[in-house]
Amino acid sequence: MISSNSKLAYVFAVVNAVILGISFLFAKIALDYANPLDTLTFRFAASFLAMSIPVAFGWVKLAYRGKPVYKVLLLAITYPLGFFTLQAFGLKHATSAEGGILYAFTPVVTMILASMYLKERTTVLQKLSILLSVFGVVFIFVMKGSSIDLSNLTGITLLLLTCVAFAGYTVLARPLLKQFSPAEIAYLILGIGFVVFLVITFTQHAIDGTLHSFFAPLASGTFISSILYLGVISSLGTALMSIYILSKMEASRMSVFANLSTIVSMAAGAMFLGEEVTVYHLIGSALIIAGVIGTNRLGRREALKIAVSK
């Protein structure tokens, strides 16, 4: 039997993927009004301020005294700082399609790091399921005519490092849950992201003499709506959910759910942008879903055996 907490973790994992999939659509909209760095600053400002409200009113309790806060600071270096910085610069030298293909390998990197540092064990069938999910994503992009241009070595390297950064975040966050609550971790990493991106953005605008243009996008209701989604629902919501999920399941099992976001992004593009959905989209989606189900169901018996032995 699956406990109610475990069921909630699975629900959150799917919701997480849906939110991330839709976030690509809102990110595209936001980037029509502001550059990537400004967008990140507004995004993390929205997420940090949104969480600061319940903290200020005492609805969310935070207790950092006597806890190894420096470990959360190290966590923030991987995500959001490392991940978004590497992604922004990587996409300057590579295409978004290349980014989508390479990001699909995050579950593989997570599985390797979790095995090395968390001693998580995965069965052969789980490994094959993870690879099946990755293949589903790659299949969709390749059938669309996308490929990886090896001449874009800088961009490819940076995008591969985004996989390492997010996988590192997933692996590092799991043991921290023994000392911190999900809210305590989320509040710190979002606050650090906001402060760092704000300093970098203001410094860059000051150097270029364009400080007046920083707030210009806020004149658009469309931009504000996009930022609220990206900041409050995507950054804050997924941060809280992902940390909760990690408290209930292994990092390798959680990470494979991220590939579901490709299906959601595809569906959102079809619904709101009129993008075409073909047979290969459906085949790739079926492979992704089969991989996600296989990774989680095929390892459950093994997990139960380990739990009983302990």
Protein backbone atom coordinates (compact mmCIF):
# COMPACT_ATOMS: atom_id res chain seq x y z
CA MET A 1 0.00 0.00 0.00
CA ILE A 2 1.15 3.55 -0.70
CA SER A 3 0.85 6.00 2.20
CA SER A 4 -1.15 9.21 1.80
CA ASN A 5 2.09 11.22 2.07
CA SER A 6 3.63 9.21 -0.77
CA LYS A 7 0.51 9.71 -2.89
CA LEU A 8 0.75 13.46 -2.29
CA ALA A 9 4.40 13.38 -3.37
CA TYR A 10 3.40 11.74 -6.67
CA VAL A 11 0.63 14.30 -7.18
CA PHE A 12 3.10 17.14 -6.49
CA ALA A 13 5.62 15.58 -8.91
CA VAL A 14 3.07 15.61 -11.73
CA VAL A 15 1.81 19.12 -10.84
CA ASN A 16 5.45 20.26 -10.71
CA ALA A 17 6.01 19.01 -14.26
CA VAL A 18 2.82 20.72 -15.47
CA ILE A 19 3.86 24.05 -13.95
CA LEU A 20 7.36 23.80 -15.45
CA GLY A 21 5.96 22.87 -18.85
CA ILE A 22 3.66 25.90 -18.92
CA SER A 23 6.45 28.14 -17.60
CA PHE A 24 8.24 27.92 -20.96
CA LEU A 25 5.26 29.67 -22.53
CA PHE A 26 5.28 32.48 -19.94
CA ALA A 27 9.06 32.80 -20.19
CA LYS A 28 8.77 33.38 -23.93
CA ILE A 29 6.18 36.10 -23.31
CA ALA A 30 8.27 37.79 -20.60
CA LEU A 31 11.37 37.82 -22.81
CA ASP A 32 9.47 39.94 -25.34
CA TYR A 33 9.57 42.78 -22.80
CA ALA A 34 12.86 42.32 -20.89
CA ASN A 35 16.26 40.68 -21.32
CA PRO A 36 16.93 37.31 -19.59
CA LEU A 37 18.78 38.78 -16.60
CA ASP A 38 16.11 41.41 -15.88
CA THR A 39 13.45 38.74 -16.20
CA LEU A 40 15.25 36.53 -13.66
CA THR A 41 15.52 39.46 -11.24
CA PHE A 42 11.79 40.23 -11.44
CA ARG A 43 11.00 36.54 -11.25
CA PHE A 44 12.89 35.96 -8.00
CA ALA A 45 11.71 39.28 -6.59
CA ALA A 46 8.13 38.05 -7.02
CA SER A 47 8.84 34.64 -5.50
CA PHE A 48 10.78 35.99 -2.51
CA LEU A 49 8.28 38.75 -1.76
CA ALA A 50 5.36 36.32 -2.08
CA MET A 51 6.88 34.02 0.52
CA SER A 52 7.93 36.93 2.74
CA ILE A 53 4.26 37.83 3.34
CA PRO A 54 3.29 34.64 5.26
CA VAL A 55 6.67 34.71 7.01
CA ALA A 56 6.11 38.32 8.16
CA PHE A 57 2.64 37.48 9.49
CA GLY A 58 3.93 34.40 11.27
CA TRP A 59 1.86 32.00 9.18
CA VAL A 60 5.08 30.24 8.14
CA LYS A 61 7.59 29.59 10.93
CA LEU A 62 11.30 29.70 10.17
CA ALA A 63 13.97 28.61 12.66
CA TYR A 64 17.56 28.84 11.45
CA ARG A 65 19.31 29.20 14.82
CA GLY A 66 21.76 26.39 15.48
CA LYS A 67 21.34 24.93 12.01
CA PRO A 68 24.08 24.64 9.32
CA VAL A 69 22.78 27.52 7.16
CA TYR A 70 25.98 27.46 5.09
CA LYS A 71 24.83 24.15 3.60
CA VAL A 72 21.73 25.84 2.20
CA LEU A 73 23.95 28.60 0.82
CA LEU A 74 25.93 25.92 -1.02
CA LEU A 75 22.63 24.49 -2.26
CA ALA A 76 21.65 27.89 -3.67
CA ILE A 77 24.86 27.92 -5.72
CA THR A 78 23.56 24.93 -7.67
CA TYR A 79 19.97 26.19 -7.89
CA PRO A 80 18.87 28.85 -8.62
CA LEU A 81 22.22 30.63 -9.18
CA GLY A 82 24.15 27.98 -11.09
CA PHE A 83 21.24 26.55 -13.04
CA PHE A 84 19.76 29.80 -14.35
CA THR A 85 23.12 31.49 -15.01
CA LEU A 86 24.43 28.51 -16.98
CA GLN A 87 21.12 28.23 -18.83
CA ALA A 88 21.06 31.93 -19.77
CA PHE A 89 24.62 31.94 -21.13
CA GLY A 90 24.24 28.48 -22.67
CA LEU A 91 21.24 29.57 -24.72
CA LYS A 92 23.27 32.51 -26.03
CA HIS A 93 25.52 30.02 -27.80
CA ALA A 94 23.01 27.25 -28.53
CA THR A 95 19.39 26.88 -29.60
CA SER A 96 16.43 26.27 -27.32
CA ALA A 97 15.96 22.91 -29.06
CA GLU A 98 19.49 21.90 -28.10
CA GLY A 99 18.69 23.03 -24.57
CA GLY A 100 15.57 20.83 -24.53
CA ILE A 101 17.48 17.78 -25.75
CA LEU A 102 20.34 18.20 -23.29
CA TYR A 103 18.08 19.00 -20.32
CA ALA A 104 16.36 15.65 -20.88
CA PHE A 105 19.53 13.97 -19.62
CA THR A 106 19.10 15.49 -16.14
CA PRO A 107 17.51 12.29 -14.72
CA VAL A 108 20.53 10.28 -15.88
CA VAL A 109 22.95 12.70 -14.21
CA THR A 110 20.78 12.71 -11.08
CA MET A 111 20.78 8.92 -10.96
CA ILE A 112 24.59 8.84 -11.17
CA LEU A 113 25.11 11.53 -8.50
CA ALA A 114 22.46 10.01 -6.20
CA SER A 115 24.18 6.66 -6.49
CA MET A 116 27.57 8.19 -5.68
CA TYR A 117 26.63 10.54 -2.84
CA LEU A 118 23.34 9.26 -1.44
CA LYS A 119 23.98 5.56 -2.09
CA GLU A 120 20.58 5.31 -3.77
CA ARG A 121 20.10 1.99 -5.52
CA THR A 122 18.21 1.61 -8.78
CA THR A 123 17.29 -1.64 -10.46
CA VAL A 124 18.20 -2.47 -14.04
CA LEU A 125 14.57 -1.95 -15.04
CA GLN A 126 14.55 1.50 -13.39
CA LYS A 127 17.71 2.48 -15.26
CA LEU A 128 16.14 1.33 -18.52
CA SER A 129 12.94 3.26 -17.69
CA ILE A 130 14.91 6.46 -17.09
CA LEU A 131 16.70 6.01 -20.42
CA LEU A 132 13.33 5.34 -22.10
CA SER A 133 11.98 8.64 -20.77
CA VAL A 134 15.09 10.48 -22.00
CA PHE A 135 14.77 8.80 -25.40
CA GLY A 136 11.15 9.97 -25.62
CA VAL A 137 12.22 13.62 -25.24
CA VAL A 138 15.12 13.28 -27.67
CA PHE A 139 12.86 11.47 -30.16
CA ILE A 140 10.40 14.39 -30.22
CA PHE A 141 13.12 16.98 -30.81
CA VAL A 142 14.96 14.93 -33.43
CA MET A 143 11.74 14.21 -35.36
CA LYS A 144 11.05 17.97 -35.36
CA GLY A 145 14.33 18.34 -37.23
CA SER A 146 16.34 19.50 -34.23
CA SER A 147 19.83 18.26 -33.55
CA ILE A 148 22.93 19.13 -31.58
CA ASP A 149 25.48 21.19 -33.47
CA LEU A 150 28.84 20.09 -32.09
CA SER A 151 30.39 23.32 -33.35
CA ASN A 152 28.46 25.10 -30.56
CA LEU A 153 30.80 23.53 -28.02
CA THR A 154 30.55 26.43 -25.56
CA GLY A 155 26.77 26.40 -25.52
CA ILE A 156 26.56 22.60 -25.32
CA THR A 157 29.02 22.52 -22.43
CA LEU A 158 27.11 25.17 -20.48
CA LEU A 159 23.77 23.45 -21.10
CA LEU A 160 25.20 20.12 -19.97
CA LEU A 161 26.38 21.86 -16.82
CA THR A 162 22.78 22.96 -16.18
CA CYS A 163 21.96 19.25 -15.92
CA VAL A 164 24.75 18.84 -13.39
CA ALA A 165 23.60 21.93 -11.47
CA PHE A 166 19.99 20.78 -11.18
CA ALA A 167 21.00 17.20 -10.41
CA GLY A 168 23.39 18.54 -7.75
CA TYR A 169 20.56 20.57 -6.23
CA THR A 170 18.33 17.51 -6.09
CA VAL A 171 21.01 15.38 -4.46
CA LEU A 172 22.17 18.06 -1.99
CA ALA A 173 18.63 19.00 -0.93
CA ARG A 174 17.60 15.51 0.15
CA PRO A 175 19.90 15.13 3.21
CA LEU A 176 19.23 18.76 4.25
CA LEU A 177 15.60 17.85 4.90
CA LYS A 178 16.74 16.11 8.07
CA GLN A 179 17.71 19.53 9.48
CA PHE A 180 15.52 22.06 7.66
CA SER A 181 11.85 22.27 6.75
CA PRO A 182 10.91 22.68 3.06
CA ALA A 183 9.85 26.29 3.78
CA GLU A 184 13.21 27.12 5.41
CA ILE A 185 15.16 25.79 2.44
CA ALA A 186 12.89 27.43 -0.16
CA TYR A 187 12.94 30.83 1.56
CA LEU A 188 16.73 30.93 1.74
CA ILE A 189 17.47 29.82 -1.81
CA LEU A 190 14.84 32.14 -3.30
CA GLY A 191 16.10 35.05 -1.20
CA ILE A 192 19.68 34.40 -2.28
CA GLY A 193 18.58 34.18 -5.91
CA PHE A 194 16.73 37.49 -5.65
CA VAL A 195 19.63 39.38 -4.01
CA VAL A 196 22.33 38.02 -6.32
CA PHE A 197 20.40 38.58 -9.56
CA LEU A 198 19.34 42.06 -8.39
CA VAL A 199 22.94 43.08 -7.68
CA ILE A 200 24.16 41.71 -11.02
CA THR A 201 21.34 43.35 -12.97
CA PHE A 202 21.70 46.76 -11.33
CA THR A 203 25.47 46.65 -11.77
CA GLN A 204 25.12 45.82 -15.46
CA HIS A 205 22.53 48.57 -16.03
CA ALA A 206 24.69 51.08 -14.12
CA ILE A 207 27.67 50.24 -16.30
CA ASP A 208 25.60 50.56 -19.48
CA GLY A 209 23.78 53.68 -18.24
CA THR A 210 20.38 52.06 -18.72
CA LEU A 211 18.96 51.99 -15.18
CA HIS A 212 15.89 53.88 -16.41
CA SER A 213 14.96 50.96 -18.67
CA PHE A 214 14.93 48.37 -15.87
CA PHE A 215 11.41 49.20 -14.66
CA ALA A 216 9.98 49.91 -18.14
CA PRO A 217 8.53 46.38 -18.62
CA LEU A 218 6.34 46.87 -15.52
CA ALA A 219 4.15 49.16 -17.61
CA SER A 220 2.82 46.05 -19.35
CA GLY A 221 0.11 44.01 -17.66
CA THR A 222 1.10 41.03 -19.80
CA PHE A 223 4.67 41.17 -18.48
CA ILE A 224 3.48 41.47 -14.87
CA SER A 225 1.15 38.48 -15.31
CA SER A 226 3.99 36.42 -16.79
CA ILE A 227 6.35 37.36 -13.97
CA LEU A 228 3.75 36.51 -11.32
CA TYR A 229 3.34 33.07 -12.87
CA LEU A 230 7.10 32.52 -13.22
CA GLY A 231 7.90 33.87 -9.77
CA VAL A 232 5.02 32.82 -7.52
CA ILE A 233 3.68 29.68 -9.17
CA SER A 234 6.75 28.37 -10.98
CA SER A 235 9.76 29.34 -8.83
CA LEU A 236 8.13 29.42 -5.38
CA GLY A 237 5.54 26.72 -5.97
CA THR A 238 7.93 24.24 -7.55
CA ALA A 239 10.64 24.94 -4.96
CA LEU A 240 8.27 24.04 -2.11
CA MET A 241 6.84 21.03 -3.91
CA SER A 242 10.17 19.64 -5.10
CA ILE A 243 11.64 19.83 -1.61
CA TYR A 244 8.58 18.09 -0.19
CA ILE A 245 8.82 15.41 -2.90
CA LEU A 246 12.47 14.79 -2.03
CA SER A 247 11.46 14.15 1.57
CA LYS A 248 9.22 11.29 0.37
CA MET A 249 11.04 9.68 -2.56
CA GLU A 250 14.53 9.13 -3.94
CA ALA A 251 16.18 11.84 -6.04
CA SER A 252 16.49 9.53 -9.07
CA ARG A 253 12.76 8.73 -9.02
CA MET A 254 11.76 12.38 -8.64
CA SER A 255 14.01 13.71 -11.39
CA VAL A 256 12.45 11.62 -14.16
CA PHE A 257 9.13 13.45 -13.67
CA ALA A 258 10.81 16.58 -15.10
CA ASN A 259 10.61 15.06 -18.57
CA LEU A 260 6.82 15.23 -18.35
CA SER A 261 7.21 19.00 -18.73
CA THR A 262 8.11 18.40 -22.39
CA ILE A 263 4.63 16.94 -22.96
CA VAL A 264 2.97 19.84 -21.13
CA SER A 265 5.03 22.41 -23.04
CA MET A 266 4.05 20.73 -26.30
CA ALA A 267 0.36 20.72 -25.33
CA ALA A 268 0.51 24.38 -24.23
CA GLY A 269 2.13 25.33 -27.52
CA ALA A 270 -0.64 23.57 -29.43
CA MET A 271 -3.42 25.15 -27.37
CA PHE A 272 -2.18 28.73 -27.11
CA LEU A 273 0.30 29.17 -29.97
CA GLY A 274 -1.33 26.96 -32.58
CA GLU A 275 1.69 24.68 -32.86
CA GLU A 276 1.13 21.38 -34.66
CA VAL A 277 0.95 18.07 -32.79
CA THR A 278 1.95 15.09 -34.94
CA VAL A 279 2.19 11.31 -34.54
CA TYR A 280 5.81 11.49 -33.41
CA HIS A 281 4.79 13.88 -30.62
CA LEU A 282 2.32 11.25 -29.40
CA ILE A 283 4.88 8.43 -29.69
CA GLY A 284 7.50 10.44 -27.82
CA SER A 285 4.97 11.37 -25.14
CA ALA A 286 4.02 7.71 -24.68
CA LEU A 287 7.70 6.80 -24.24
CA ILE A 288 8.18 9.57 -21.66
CA ILE A 289 5.13 8.51 -19.65
CA ALA A 290 6.13 4.83 -19.81
CA GLY A 291 9.60 5.76 -18.57
CA VAL A 292 8.24 7.78 -15.65
CA ILE A 293 5.84 5.02 -14.61
CA GLY A 294 8.52 2.36 -14.98
CA THR A 295 11.07 4.29 -12.92
CA ASN A 296 8.65 4.64 -10.02
CA ARG A 297 6.68 1.38 -10.12
CA LEU A 298 9.47 -1.04 -11.00
CA GLY A 299 11.56 0.13 -8.06
CA ARG A 300 8.78 0.09 -5.47
CA ARG A 301 9.18 -3.59 -4.58
CA GLU A 302 12.91 -3.12 -4.13
CA ALA A 303 12.29 -0.05 -1.93
CA LEU A 304 9.88 -2.05 0.23
CA LYS A 305 12.46 -4.79 0.69
CA ILE A 306 15.05 -2.26 1.82
CA ALA A 307 12.58 -0.63 4.20
CA VAL A 308 11.68 -4.02 5.72
CA SER A 309 15.32 -5.00 6.12
CA LYS A 310 15.99 -1.82 8.05
